C-alpha atoms as a PDB file:
ATOM      1  CA  UNK A   1      18.477 -11.458  99.830  1.00  0.00           C
ATOM      2  CA  UNK A   2      21.847 -11.760  98.450  1.00  0.00           C
ATOM      3  CA  UNK A   3      20.859  -9.260  95.947  1.00  0.00           C
ATOM      4  CA  UNK A   4      20.733  -6.838  98.994  1.00  0.00           C
ATOM      5  CA  UNK A   5      24.170  -7.433 100.158  1.00  0.00           C
ATOM      6  CA  UNK A   6      25.733  -6.991  96.907  1.00  0.00           C
ATOM      7  CA  UNK A   7      24.334  -3.395  96.638  1.00  0.00           C
ATOM      8  CA  UNK A   8      25.708  -3.048 100.249  1.00  0.00           C
ATOM      9  CA  UNK A   9      28.937  -4.006  98.475  1.00  0.00           C
ATOM     10  CA  UNK A  10      28.844  -1.669  95.791  1.00  0.00           C
ATOM     11  CA  UNK A  11      27.757   1.426  97.997  1.00  0.00           C
ATOM     12  CA  UNK A  12      30.710   0.768 100.193  1.00  0.00           C
ATOM     13  CA  UNK A  13      32.594   0.144  97.447  1.00  0.00           C
ATOM     14  CA  UNK A  14      32.020   3.340  95.706  1.00  0.00           C
ATOM     15  CA  UNK A  15      32.883   5.106  99.179  1.00  0.00           C
ATOM     16  CA  UNK A  16      36.252   3.719  99.198  1.00  0.00           C
ATOM     17  CA  UNK A  17      36.565   4.616  95.875  1.00  0.00           C
ATOM     18  CA  UNK A  18      35.372   8.404  96.389  1.00  0.00           C
ATOM     19  CA  UNK A  19      37.521   8.613  99.738  1.00  0.00           C
ATOM     20  CA  UNK A  20      40.596   7.607  97.319  1.00  0.00           C
ATOM     21  CA  UNK A  21      39.907  10.784  95.775  1.00  0.00           C
ATOM     22  CA  UNK A  22      38.422   9.218  92.989  1.00  0.00           C
ATOM     23  CA  UNK A  23      41.568   7.540  91.224  1.00  0.00           C
ATOM     24  CA  UNK A  24      41.234   4.653  88.995  1.00  0.00           C
ATOM     25  CA  UNK A  25      43.209   1.682  88.953  1.00  0.00           C
ATOM     26  CA  UNK A  26      41.938   0.137  92.251  1.00  0.00           C
ATOM     27  CA  UNK A  27      38.397  -1.148  91.822  1.00  0.00           C
ATOM     28  CA  UNK A  28      39.155  -4.946  92.448  1.00  0.00           C
ATOM     29  CA  UNK A  29      41.085  -3.548  95.887  1.00  0.00           C
ATOM     30  CA  UNK A  30      37.599  -1.602  96.561  1.00  0.00           C
ATOM     31  CA  UNK A  31      35.656  -4.237  95.856  1.00  0.00           C
ATOM     32  CA  UNK A  32      37.329  -6.868  97.649  1.00  0.00           C
ATOM     33  CA  UNK A  33      37.875  -4.409 100.983  1.00  0.00           C
ATOM     34  CA  UNK A  34      34.103  -3.589 100.899  1.00  0.00           C
ATOM     35  CA  UNK A  35      32.972  -7.171 100.865  1.00  0.00           C
ATOM     36  CA  UNK A  36      35.624  -7.971 103.764  1.00  0.00           C
ATOM     37  CA  UNK A  37      33.871  -5.511 105.866  1.00  0.00           C
ATOM     38  CA  UNK A  38      30.133  -5.955 104.632  1.00  0.00           C
ATOM     39  CA  UNK A  39      30.433  -9.577 105.404  1.00  0.00           C
ATOM     40  CA  UNK A  40      32.049  -9.153 108.405  1.00  0.00           C
ATOM     41  CA  UNK A  41      28.962  -7.275 110.009  1.00  0.00           C
ATOM     42  CA  UNK A  42      26.367  -9.609 108.459  1.00  0.00           C
ATOM     43  CA  UNK A  43      25.024 -12.789 109.203  1.00  0.00           C
ATOM     44  CA  UNK A  44      23.951 -13.380 105.698  1.00  0.00           C
ATOM     45  CA  UNK A  45      27.655 -13.829 104.585  1.00  0.00           C
ATOM     46  CA  UNK A  46      27.415 -17.889 104.551  1.00  0.00           C
ATOM     47  CA  UNK A  47      24.177 -17.238 102.133  1.00  0.00           C
ATOM     48  CA  UNK A  48      26.310 -15.090 100.046  1.00  0.00           C
ATOM     49  CA  UNK A  49      29.516 -17.233  99.645  1.00  0.00           C
ATOM     50  CA  UNK A  50      27.370 -19.571  98.515  1.00  0.00           C
ATOM     51  CA  UNK A  51      25.638 -18.016  96.303  1.00  0.00           C
ATOM     52  CA  UNK A  52      28.602 -16.524  94.668  1.00  0.00           C
ATOM     53  CA  UNK A  53      30.227 -19.743  94.139  1.00  0.00           C
ATOM     54  CA  UNK A  54      27.537 -21.745  92.945  1.00  0.00           C
ATOM     55  CA  UNK A  55      27.413 -18.467  90.463  1.00  0.00           C
ATOM     56  CA  UNK A  56      30.942 -18.762  89.262  1.00  0.00           C
ATOM     57  CA  UNK A  57      30.980 -22.727  89.041  1.00  0.00           C
ATOM     58  CA  UNK A  58      27.608 -22.421  86.752  1.00  0.00           C
END
């Protein structure tokens, strides 16, 4: 399930990158913005955040 959310984030970040004219140097900013927007609209956000926290700790 979290793979689906991550795929949506990746696609949205790609869209933001393309919208900026494919200028390099803002990948992290694009990812954070995409993550915020996708998770803001998802009831699965708590599950995704928990999974990411566990992955970072482990």
